[in-house]
N, C-alpha and C. Protein backbone atom coordinates (compact mmCIF):
# COMPACT_ATOMS: atom_id res chain seq x y z
N UNK A 1 19.08 37.03 -0.49
CA UNK A 1 19.31 35.60 -0.59
C UNK A 1 18.16 34.96 -1.35
N UNK A 2 18.48 34.03 -2.23
CA UNK A 2 17.46 33.34 -3.02
C UNK A 2 16.64 32.40 -2.15
N UNK A 3 15.40 32.25 -2.53
CA UNK A 3 14.51 31.34 -1.81
C UNK A 3 14.96 29.89 -2.03
N UNK A 4 14.89 29.08 -0.96
CA UNK A 4 15.22 27.67 -1.07
C UNK A 4 14.20 26.97 -1.97
N UNK A 5 14.70 26.15 -2.91
CA UNK A 5 13.84 25.34 -3.77
C UNK A 5 14.55 24.03 -4.06
N UNK A 6 13.83 22.94 -3.95
CA UNK A 6 14.34 21.62 -4.28
C UNK A 6 13.34 21.01 -5.25
N UNK A 7 13.83 20.57 -6.40
CA UNK A 7 12.95 20.07 -7.45
C UNK A 7 12.97 18.54 -7.51
N UNK A 8 11.79 17.97 -7.71
CA UNK A 8 11.65 16.54 -8.01
C UNK A 8 10.94 16.44 -9.36
N UNK A 9 10.63 15.25 -9.76
CA UNK A 9 9.97 15.07 -11.06
C UNK A 9 8.65 15.86 -11.14
N UNK A 10 7.83 15.79 -10.08
CA UNK A 10 6.50 16.41 -10.12
C UNK A 10 6.30 17.54 -9.13
N UNK A 11 7.32 17.81 -8.30
CA UNK A 11 7.13 18.72 -7.17
C UNK A 11 8.23 19.76 -7.06
N UNK A 12 7.85 20.85 -6.39
CA UNK A 12 8.80 21.80 -5.84
C UNK A 12 8.69 21.72 -4.34
N UNK A 13 9.80 21.57 -3.65
CA UNK A 13 9.85 21.75 -2.21
C UNK A 13 10.51 23.09 -2.01
N UNK A 14 9.87 23.98 -1.26
CA UNK A 14 10.38 25.33 -1.13
C UNK A 14 10.15 25.87 0.27
N UNK A 15 10.86 26.94 0.58
CA UNK A 15 10.70 27.61 1.87
C UNK A 15 9.28 28.19 1.97
N UNK A 16 8.80 28.28 3.20
CA UNK A 16 7.49 28.89 3.46
C UNK A 16 7.56 30.39 3.21
N UNK A 17 6.45 30.94 2.75
CA UNK A 17 6.26 32.38 2.61
C UNK A 17 5.14 32.79 3.57
N UNK A 18 5.13 34.04 3.96
CA UNK A 18 4.13 34.53 4.91
C UNK A 18 2.71 34.26 4.44
N UNK A 19 2.47 34.30 3.16
CA UNK A 19 1.11 34.11 2.64
C UNK A 19 0.69 32.64 2.46
N UNK A 20 1.53 31.70 2.89
CA UNK A 20 1.23 30.28 2.69
C UNK A 20 0.25 29.70 3.70
N UNK A 21 0.07 30.34 4.84
CA UNK A 21 -0.76 29.75 5.90
C UNK A 21 -2.17 29.44 5.42
N UNK A 22 -2.83 30.37 4.79
CA UNK A 22 -4.22 30.15 4.37
C UNK A 22 -4.35 29.09 3.26
N UNK A 23 -3.57 29.14 2.17
CA UNK A 23 -3.72 28.07 1.18
C UNK A 23 -3.32 26.69 1.72
N UNK A 24 -2.35 26.67 2.63
CA UNK A 24 -1.98 25.39 3.26
C UNK A 24 -3.17 24.87 4.07
N UNK A 25 -3.78 25.73 4.86
CA UNK A 25 -4.94 25.34 5.67
C UNK A 25 -6.08 24.84 4.77
N UNK A 26 -6.35 25.56 3.69
CA UNK A 26 -7.43 25.17 2.80
C UNK A 26 -7.21 23.79 2.19
N UNK A 27 -5.97 23.48 1.86
CA UNK A 27 -5.67 22.20 1.22
C UNK A 27 -5.56 21.04 2.20
N UNK A 28 -5.12 21.33 3.44
CA UNK A 28 -4.76 20.24 4.34
C UNK A 28 -5.55 20.17 5.65
N UNK A 29 -6.34 21.16 5.96
CA UNK A 29 -7.10 21.12 7.22
C UNK A 29 -8.43 20.42 6.99
N UNK A 30 -8.32 19.11 6.73
CA UNK A 30 -9.51 18.29 6.51
C UNK A 30 -9.52 17.18 7.56
N UNK A 31 -10.67 16.59 7.74
CA UNK A 31 -10.77 15.49 8.70
C UNK A 31 -9.84 14.34 8.38
N UNK A 32 -9.72 14.00 7.09
CA UNK A 32 -8.84 12.89 6.70
C UNK A 32 -7.38 13.20 7.03
N UNK A 33 -6.91 14.38 6.66
CA UNK A 33 -5.50 14.73 6.85
C UNK A 33 -5.17 14.88 8.33
N UNK A 34 -6.06 15.47 9.10
CA UNK A 34 -5.75 15.76 10.51
C UNK A 34 -6.17 14.65 11.46
N UNK A 35 -6.63 13.54 10.93
CA UNK A 35 -7.11 12.43 11.76
C UNK A 35 -6.10 12.03 12.83
N UNK A 36 -4.83 11.91 12.47
CA UNK A 36 -3.79 11.46 13.40
C UNK A 36 -3.02 12.63 14.01
N UNK A 37 -3.50 13.85 13.75
CA UNK A 37 -2.80 15.05 14.21
C UNK A 37 -3.60 15.84 15.23
N UNK A 38 -4.68 15.29 15.72
CA UNK A 38 -5.47 15.97 16.74
C UNK A 38 -6.66 16.74 16.21
N UNK A 39 -6.95 16.62 14.92
CA UNK A 39 -8.14 17.26 14.37
C UNK A 39 -7.86 18.60 13.72
N UNK A 40 -8.91 19.13 13.14
CA UNK A 40 -8.83 20.40 12.41
C UNK A 40 -8.47 21.54 13.34
N UNK A 41 -7.82 22.55 12.78
CA UNK A 41 -7.31 23.68 13.56
C UNK A 41 -7.73 25.00 12.93
N UNK A 42 -7.79 26.06 13.73
CA UNK A 42 -8.11 27.39 13.19
C UNK A 42 -6.93 27.95 12.38
N UNK A 43 -7.20 28.99 11.62
CA UNK A 43 -6.16 29.62 10.82
C UNK A 43 -4.96 30.03 11.67
N UNK A 44 -5.18 30.48 12.89
CA UNK A 44 -4.08 30.93 13.75
C UNK A 44 -3.03 29.82 13.95
N UNK A 45 -3.48 28.58 14.01
CA UNK A 45 -2.57 27.45 14.13
C UNK A 45 -1.62 27.41 12.93
N UNK A 46 -2.16 27.61 11.74
CA UNK A 46 -1.36 27.56 10.53
C UNK A 46 -0.48 28.79 10.37
N UNK A 47 -0.91 29.92 10.88
CA UNK A 47 -0.07 31.11 10.89
C UNK A 47 1.15 30.85 11.78
N UNK A 48 0.93 30.24 12.95
CA UNK A 48 2.05 29.89 13.84
C UNK A 48 2.96 28.85 13.19
N UNK A 49 2.37 27.86 12.54
CA UNK A 49 3.16 26.84 11.84
C UNK A 49 4.04 27.48 10.77
N UNK A 50 3.46 28.35 9.98
CA UNK A 50 4.20 29.04 8.93
C UNK A 50 5.37 29.84 9.52
N UNK A 51 5.10 30.58 10.58
CA UNK A 51 6.16 31.37 11.22
C UNK A 51 7.26 30.47 11.77
N UNK A 52 6.89 29.35 12.38
CA UNK A 52 7.89 28.41 12.92
C UNK A 52 8.74 27.81 11.81
N UNK A 53 8.12 27.48 10.68
CA UNK A 53 8.87 26.91 9.56
C UNK A 53 9.80 27.96 8.95
N UNK A 54 9.33 29.19 8.84
CA UNK A 54 10.19 30.26 8.32
C UNK A 54 11.38 30.47 9.24
N UNK A 55 11.15 30.41 10.56
CA UNK A 55 12.24 30.58 11.52
C UNK A 55 13.23 29.42 11.45
N UNK A 56 12.72 28.20 11.31
CA UNK A 56 13.60 27.04 11.18
C UNK A 56 14.46 27.15 9.93
N UNK A 57 13.86 27.58 8.84
CA UNK A 57 14.61 27.74 7.59
C UNK A 57 15.72 28.78 7.78
N UNK A 58 15.38 29.89 8.43
CA UNK A 58 16.37 30.95 8.66
C UNK A 58 17.48 30.49 9.60
N UNK A 59 17.13 29.76 10.64
CA UNK A 59 18.10 29.34 11.65
C UNK A 59 18.96 28.16 11.22
N UNK A 60 18.35 27.20 10.50
CA UNK A 60 19.03 25.93 10.22
C UNK A 60 19.23 25.62 8.74
N UNK A 61 18.54 26.39 7.87
CA UNK A 61 18.65 26.10 6.44
C UNK A 61 17.71 25.01 5.97
N UNK A 62 16.79 24.60 6.84
CA UNK A 62 15.82 23.58 6.46
C UNK A 62 14.60 23.66 7.38
N UNK A 63 13.53 23.05 6.92
CA UNK A 63 12.28 22.98 7.68
C UNK A 63 11.39 21.96 6.98
N UNK A 64 10.16 21.84 7.41
CA UNK A 64 9.19 21.05 6.65
C UNK A 64 8.74 21.95 5.49
N UNK A 65 9.42 21.83 4.35
CA UNK A 65 9.22 22.72 3.23
C UNK A 65 7.83 22.57 2.62
N UNK A 66 7.33 23.65 2.07
CA UNK A 66 6.08 23.62 1.32
C UNK A 66 6.26 22.70 0.11
N UNK A 67 5.26 21.89 -0.15
CA UNK A 67 5.26 21.00 -1.30
C UNK A 67 4.27 21.56 -2.32
N UNK A 68 4.78 21.94 -3.49
CA UNK A 68 3.95 22.46 -4.56
C UNK A 68 3.91 21.46 -5.71
N UNK A 69 2.75 21.29 -6.28
CA UNK A 69 2.58 20.47 -7.48
C UNK A 69 3.08 21.30 -8.66
N UNK A 70 4.08 20.82 -9.38
CA UNK A 70 4.63 21.57 -10.51
C UNK A 70 3.60 21.77 -11.62
N UNK A 71 2.62 20.86 -11.72
CA UNK A 71 1.64 20.95 -12.80
C UNK A 71 0.80 22.22 -12.71
N UNK A 72 0.45 22.63 -11.47
CA UNK A 72 -0.43 23.80 -11.34
C UNK A 72 -0.01 24.79 -10.26
N UNK A 73 1.11 24.53 -9.58
CA UNK A 73 1.60 25.44 -8.56
C UNK A 73 0.85 25.38 -7.25
N UNK A 74 -0.09 24.43 -7.12
CA UNK A 74 -0.90 24.34 -5.89
C UNK A 74 -0.07 23.80 -4.73
N UNK A 75 -0.32 24.35 -3.55
CA UNK A 75 0.27 23.81 -2.33
C UNK A 75 -0.48 22.53 -1.99
N UNK A 76 0.27 21.43 -1.89
CA UNK A 76 -0.37 20.13 -1.61
C UNK A 76 0.16 19.49 -0.33
N UNK A 77 1.06 20.18 0.38
CA UNK A 77 1.56 19.61 1.62
C UNK A 77 2.86 20.22 2.04
N UNK A 78 3.56 19.48 2.92
CA UNK A 78 4.92 19.85 3.29
C UNK A 78 5.74 18.59 3.44
N UNK A 79 7.06 18.75 3.33
CA UNK A 79 7.99 17.65 3.55
C UNK A 79 9.38 18.22 3.71
N UNK A 80 10.12 17.68 4.64
CA UNK A 80 11.50 18.10 4.82
C UNK A 80 12.01 17.74 6.19
N UNK A 81 13.23 18.19 6.50
CA UNK A 81 13.84 17.91 7.80
C UNK A 81 13.73 19.10 8.75
N UNK A 82 13.63 18.79 10.01
CA UNK A 82 13.77 19.79 11.06
C UNK A 82 14.31 19.08 12.30
N UNK A 83 14.73 19.85 13.26
CA UNK A 83 15.25 19.28 14.50
C UNK A 83 14.09 18.88 15.40
N UNK A 84 14.21 17.68 15.99
CA UNK A 84 13.21 17.23 16.96
C UNK A 84 13.12 18.24 18.09
N UNK A 85 11.92 18.73 18.36
CA UNK A 85 11.76 19.86 19.27
C UNK A 85 11.16 19.51 20.61
N UNK A 86 10.85 18.26 20.84
CA UNK A 86 10.18 17.87 22.07
C UNK A 86 11.20 17.54 23.17
N UNK A 87 11.48 18.55 24.00
CA UNK A 87 12.44 18.41 25.08
C UNK A 87 12.02 17.26 26.01
N UNK A 88 12.98 16.47 26.43
CA UNK A 88 12.69 15.36 27.34
C UNK A 88 12.26 14.09 26.64
N UNK A 89 12.28 14.08 25.29
CA UNK A 89 11.94 12.87 24.55
C UNK A 89 13.19 12.36 23.84
N UNK A 90 13.20 11.10 23.43
CA UNK A 90 14.38 10.55 22.73
C UNK A 90 14.65 11.19 21.37
N UNK A 91 13.68 11.92 20.83
CA UNK A 91 13.88 12.53 19.51
C UNK A 91 14.39 13.96 19.59
N UNK A 92 14.50 14.51 20.78
CA UNK A 92 14.93 15.90 20.92
C UNK A 92 16.31 16.09 20.27
N UNK A 93 16.39 17.05 19.37
CA UNK A 93 17.64 17.37 18.70
C UNK A 93 17.98 16.50 17.50
N UNK A 94 17.26 15.40 17.34
CA UNK A 94 17.50 14.52 16.19
C UNK A 94 17.04 15.21 14.91
N UNK A 95 17.62 14.84 13.78
CA UNK A 95 17.17 15.33 12.49
C UNK A 95 15.95 14.51 12.10
N UNK A 96 14.82 15.19 12.07
CA UNK A 96 13.51 14.55 11.86
C UNK A 96 13.01 14.82 10.46
N UNK A 97 12.56 13.80 9.77
CA UNK A 97 11.92 13.94 8.47
C UNK A 97 10.41 13.91 8.69
N UNK A 98 9.73 14.94 8.22
CA UNK A 98 8.28 15.01 8.39
C UNK A 98 7.60 15.31 7.07
N UNK A 99 6.33 14.91 6.99
CA UNK A 99 5.54 15.17 5.79
C UNK A 99 4.07 15.24 6.16
N UNK A 100 3.34 15.91 5.30
CA UNK A 100 1.88 15.98 5.37
C UNK A 100 1.41 16.25 3.96
N UNK A 101 0.37 15.57 3.53
CA UNK A 101 -0.07 15.64 2.14
C UNK A 101 -1.58 15.75 2.06
N UNK A 102 -2.06 16.63 1.19
CA UNK A 102 -3.50 16.77 0.96
C UNK A 102 -4.07 15.43 0.50
N UNK A 103 -5.22 15.07 1.01
CA UNK A 103 -5.82 13.76 0.68
C UNK A 103 -6.10 13.61 -0.81
N UNK A 104 -6.29 14.70 -1.53
CA UNK A 104 -6.51 14.62 -2.98
C UNK A 104 -5.29 14.07 -3.71
N UNK A 105 -4.15 14.04 -3.05
CA UNK A 105 -2.92 13.54 -3.67
C UNK A 105 -2.43 12.23 -3.04
N UNK A 106 -3.20 11.64 -2.16
CA UNK A 106 -2.82 10.37 -1.55
C UNK A 106 -2.79 9.26 -2.60
N UNK A 107 -1.92 8.29 -2.37
CA UNK A 107 -1.87 7.10 -3.22
C UNK A 107 -1.23 7.30 -4.58
N UNK A 108 -0.57 8.43 -4.78
CA UNK A 108 0.02 8.73 -6.08
C UNK A 108 1.54 8.83 -6.02
N UNK A 109 2.12 8.54 -4.86
CA UNK A 109 3.57 8.55 -4.72
C UNK A 109 4.20 9.90 -4.44
N UNK A 110 3.39 10.93 -4.22
CA UNK A 110 3.94 12.26 -3.96
C UNK A 110 4.74 12.32 -2.66
N UNK A 111 4.21 11.74 -1.59
CA UNK A 111 4.90 11.79 -0.30
C UNK A 111 6.24 11.06 -0.40
N UNK A 112 6.26 9.93 -1.04
CA UNK A 112 7.52 9.19 -1.18
C UNK A 112 8.51 9.97 -2.04
N UNK A 113 8.04 10.56 -3.12
CA UNK A 113 8.91 11.35 -3.99
C UNK A 113 9.54 12.51 -3.21
N UNK A 114 8.73 13.22 -2.45
CA UNK A 114 9.22 14.36 -1.67
C UNK A 114 10.16 13.89 -0.56
N UNK A 115 9.78 12.84 0.16
CA UNK A 115 10.60 12.35 1.27
C UNK A 115 11.95 11.83 0.78
N UNK A 116 11.96 11.13 -0.34
CA UNK A 116 13.22 10.63 -0.90
C UNK A 116 14.13 11.79 -1.28
N UNK A 117 13.56 12.85 -1.86
CA UNK A 117 14.36 14.02 -2.22
C UNK A 117 14.90 14.70 -0.96
N UNK A 118 14.08 14.80 0.06
CA UNK A 118 14.53 15.42 1.32
C UNK A 118 15.64 14.58 1.96
N UNK A 119 15.53 13.26 1.89
CA UNK A 119 16.58 12.40 2.43
C UNK A 119 17.90 12.60 1.68
N UNK A 120 17.82 12.69 0.36
CA UNK A 120 19.04 12.94 -0.42
C UNK A 120 19.65 14.28 -0.03
N UNK A 121 18.79 15.29 0.16
CA UNK A 121 19.28 16.61 0.57
C UNK A 121 19.99 16.51 1.92
N UNK A 122 19.41 15.77 2.85
CA UNK A 122 20.03 15.61 4.17
C UNK A 122 21.39 14.94 4.07
N UNK A 123 21.49 13.91 3.25
CA UNK A 123 22.78 13.22 3.10
C UNK A 123 23.85 14.17 2.58
N UNK A 124 23.45 15.05 1.66
CA UNK A 124 24.40 15.98 1.06
C UNK A 124 24.70 17.17 1.98
N UNK A 125 23.69 17.71 2.63
CA UNK A 125 23.84 18.96 3.37
C UNK A 125 23.91 18.82 4.88
N UNK A 126 23.59 17.67 5.41
CA UNK A 126 23.67 17.42 6.86
C UNK A 126 24.40 16.11 7.13
N UNK A 127 25.61 15.94 6.58
CA UNK A 127 26.32 14.66 6.70
C UNK A 127 26.76 14.33 8.12
N UNK A 128 26.84 15.31 9.00
CA UNK A 128 27.27 15.03 10.37
C UNK A 128 26.16 14.43 11.22
N UNK A 129 24.94 14.53 10.76
CA UNK A 129 23.84 13.88 11.48
C UNK A 129 23.90 12.40 11.17
N UNK A 130 24.06 11.59 12.20
CA UNK A 130 24.28 10.16 11.97
C UNK A 130 23.02 9.40 11.60
N UNK A 131 21.86 10.00 11.86
CA UNK A 131 20.63 9.31 11.47
C UNK A 131 19.54 10.35 11.20
N UNK A 132 18.51 9.85 10.54
CA UNK A 132 17.32 10.62 10.23
C UNK A 132 16.15 9.84 10.81
N UNK A 133 15.28 10.53 11.57
CA UNK A 133 14.16 9.84 12.22
C UNK A 133 12.83 10.36 11.68
N UNK A 134 11.80 9.59 11.92
CA UNK A 134 10.42 10.01 11.65
C UNK A 134 9.55 9.33 12.70
N UNK A 135 8.42 9.92 13.01
CA UNK A 135 7.54 9.33 14.02
C UNK A 135 6.09 9.56 13.66
N UNK A 136 5.24 8.75 14.26
CA UNK A 136 3.80 8.85 14.05
C UNK A 136 3.10 8.12 15.18
N UNK A 137 1.79 8.18 15.18
CA UNK A 137 1.01 7.40 16.13
C UNK A 137 0.95 5.96 15.63
N UNK A 138 0.83 4.97 16.52
CA UNK A 138 0.86 3.56 16.10
C UNK A 138 -0.17 3.19 15.04
N UNK A 139 -1.34 3.80 15.07
CA UNK A 139 -2.40 3.41 14.12
C UNK A 139 -2.28 4.05 12.74
N UNK A 140 -1.32 4.93 12.53
CA UNK A 140 -1.17 5.59 11.23
C UNK A 140 -0.35 4.69 10.30
N UNK A 141 -1.03 3.72 9.73
CA UNK A 141 -0.36 2.72 8.89
C UNK A 141 0.22 3.32 7.62
N UNK A 142 -0.38 4.37 7.08
CA UNK A 142 0.15 4.98 5.86
C UNK A 142 1.53 5.60 6.12
N UNK A 143 1.66 6.35 7.20
CA UNK A 143 2.96 6.95 7.52
C UNK A 143 3.99 5.88 7.86
N UNK A 144 3.58 4.88 8.61
CA UNK A 144 4.51 3.79 8.93
C UNK A 144 4.97 3.09 7.65
N UNK A 145 4.04 2.89 6.73
CA UNK A 145 4.38 2.26 5.45
C UNK A 145 5.40 3.07 4.66
N UNK A 146 5.23 4.38 4.66
CA UNK A 146 6.19 5.23 3.97
C UNK A 146 7.55 5.17 4.65
N UNK A 147 7.57 5.18 5.96
CA UNK A 147 8.84 5.09 6.68
C UNK A 147 9.58 3.82 6.28
N UNK A 148 8.87 2.72 6.23
CA UNK A 148 9.51 1.45 5.86
C UNK A 148 9.94 1.47 4.40
N UNK A 149 9.12 2.05 3.51
CA UNK A 149 9.48 2.14 2.10
C UNK A 149 10.74 2.98 1.89
N UNK A 150 10.97 3.92 2.78
CA UNK A 150 12.17 4.77 2.72
C UNK A 150 13.39 4.10 3.34
N UNK A 151 13.23 2.87 3.83
CA UNK A 151 14.35 2.14 4.42
C UNK A 151 14.54 2.40 5.90
N UNK A 152 13.56 3.02 6.52
CA UNK A 152 13.66 3.29 7.96
C UNK A 152 13.30 2.04 8.74
N UNK A 153 13.95 1.90 9.89
CA UNK A 153 13.73 0.76 10.77
C UNK A 153 13.06 1.22 12.05
N UNK A 154 12.21 0.38 12.59
CA UNK A 154 11.51 0.68 13.85
C UNK A 154 12.52 0.81 14.97
N UNK A 155 12.39 1.86 15.78
CA UNK A 155 13.27 2.11 16.92
C UNK A 155 12.42 2.27 18.17
N UNK A 156 12.00 1.16 18.75
CA UNK A 156 11.15 1.22 19.94
C UNK A 156 11.83 1.93 21.11
N UNK A 157 13.17 1.95 21.13
CA UNK A 157 13.88 2.66 22.19
C UNK A 157 13.73 4.18 22.07
N UNK A 158 13.19 4.65 20.96
CA UNK A 158 12.99 6.08 20.75
C UNK A 158 11.51 6.47 20.77
N UNK A 159 10.63 5.53 21.09
CA UNK A 159 9.20 5.85 21.20
C UNK A 159 8.98 6.82 22.36
N UNK A 160 7.90 7.58 22.32
CA UNK A 160 7.66 8.56 23.36
C UNK A 160 6.20 8.94 23.44
N UNK A 161 5.84 9.51 24.56
CA UNK A 161 4.52 10.11 24.74
C UNK A 161 4.64 11.57 24.38
N UNK A 162 3.78 12.02 23.47
CA UNK A 162 3.85 13.39 22.98
C UNK A 162 3.58 14.36 24.13
N UNK A 163 4.53 15.26 24.42
CA UNK A 163 4.37 16.14 25.57
C UNK A 163 3.26 17.18 25.44
N UNK A 164 2.76 17.41 24.24
CA UNK A 164 1.67 18.38 24.06
C UNK A 164 0.29 17.78 24.29
N UNK A 165 0.24 16.47 24.54
CA UNK A 165 -1.05 15.79 24.73
C UNK A 165 -1.13 15.22 26.15
N UNK A 166 -2.30 15.30 26.75
CA UNK A 166 -2.44 14.85 28.14
C UNK A 166 -2.42 13.33 28.26
N UNK A 167 -2.07 12.81 29.45
CA UNK A 167 -2.12 11.36 29.68
C UNK A 167 -3.51 10.84 29.35
N UNK A 168 -3.55 9.68 28.72
CA UNK A 168 -4.82 9.07 28.33
C UNK A 168 -5.33 9.50 26.97
N UNK A 169 -4.75 10.53 26.36
CA UNK A 169 -5.19 10.97 25.03
C UNK A 169 -4.88 9.86 24.04
N UNK A 170 -5.81 9.52 23.14
CA UNK A 170 -5.58 8.40 22.22
C UNK A 170 -4.43 8.61 21.23
N UNK A 171 -3.99 9.85 21.04
CA UNK A 171 -2.90 10.12 20.10
C UNK A 171 -1.58 10.44 20.81
N UNK A 172 -1.54 10.22 22.11
CA UNK A 172 -0.34 10.61 22.87
C UNK A 172 0.88 9.76 22.53
N UNK A 173 0.72 8.45 22.41
CA UNK A 173 1.86 7.57 22.16
C UNK A 173 2.34 7.72 20.72
N UNK A 174 3.65 7.87 20.56
CA UNK A 174 4.26 7.97 19.24
C UNK A 174 5.35 6.93 19.09
N UNK A 175 5.42 6.35 17.90
CA UNK A 175 6.45 5.38 17.59
C UNK A 175 7.42 5.99 16.60
N UNK A 176 8.67 5.55 16.68
CA UNK A 176 9.75 6.17 15.93
C UNK A 176 10.43 5.16 14.99
N UNK A 177 10.78 5.66 13.83
CA UNK A 177 11.57 4.91 12.86
C UNK A 177 12.82 5.74 12.56
N UNK A 178 13.89 5.07 12.14
CA UNK A 178 15.12 5.79 11.83
C UNK A 178 15.87 5.08 10.72
N UNK A 179 16.67 5.86 10.03
CA UNK A 179 17.60 5.32 9.04
C UNK A 179 18.95 5.95 9.33
N UNK A 180 19.98 5.12 9.33
CA UNK A 180 21.33 5.62 9.55
C UNK A 180 21.82 6.28 8.28
N UNK A 181 22.43 7.44 8.42
CA UNK A 181 22.99 8.14 7.26
C UNK A 181 24.38 7.56 6.97
N UNK A 182 24.70 7.38 5.71
CA UNK A 182 26.04 6.88 5.40
C UNK A 182 27.11 7.88 5.83
N UNK A 183 28.24 7.33 6.27
CA UNK A 183 29.35 8.19 6.73
C UNK A 183 30.06 8.85 5.56
């Protein structure tokens, strides 16, 4: 079977490969990028992330795809859809759009370009999903701004406390945005 690839003007969104964990970590495991994600992580975290994304791609045909810069082939982030995995939260089972981008590429429209392409893919390939959601911590104004730029609306009824974080953790509360998919 051919590897999944989705092309935009400046990017390739593609399935994860086993060797992606280390270059992904090198590009994205920085204080700036991980500020709202709980901080920097060891390589093992990224090996598990890579394996989970490969499994999601195999099981569902989608995941948070690797984002490559077409100009030089560098891994600069991820973006794509996956199923909400937090059991007991309002997002469980929802089609979730997620992204992460190396700080060297911030402010250049890459995240929006990738997210818009992923949304178009969802409309074409996941038409039975009635909505697409995204979430972040309340203080992450950049992610909230992208959600709004993509036409997503705030859904306070879908906010949740992240089950992987203990009560009182400053990043525990998450807010949710959603966009209804056309029928």
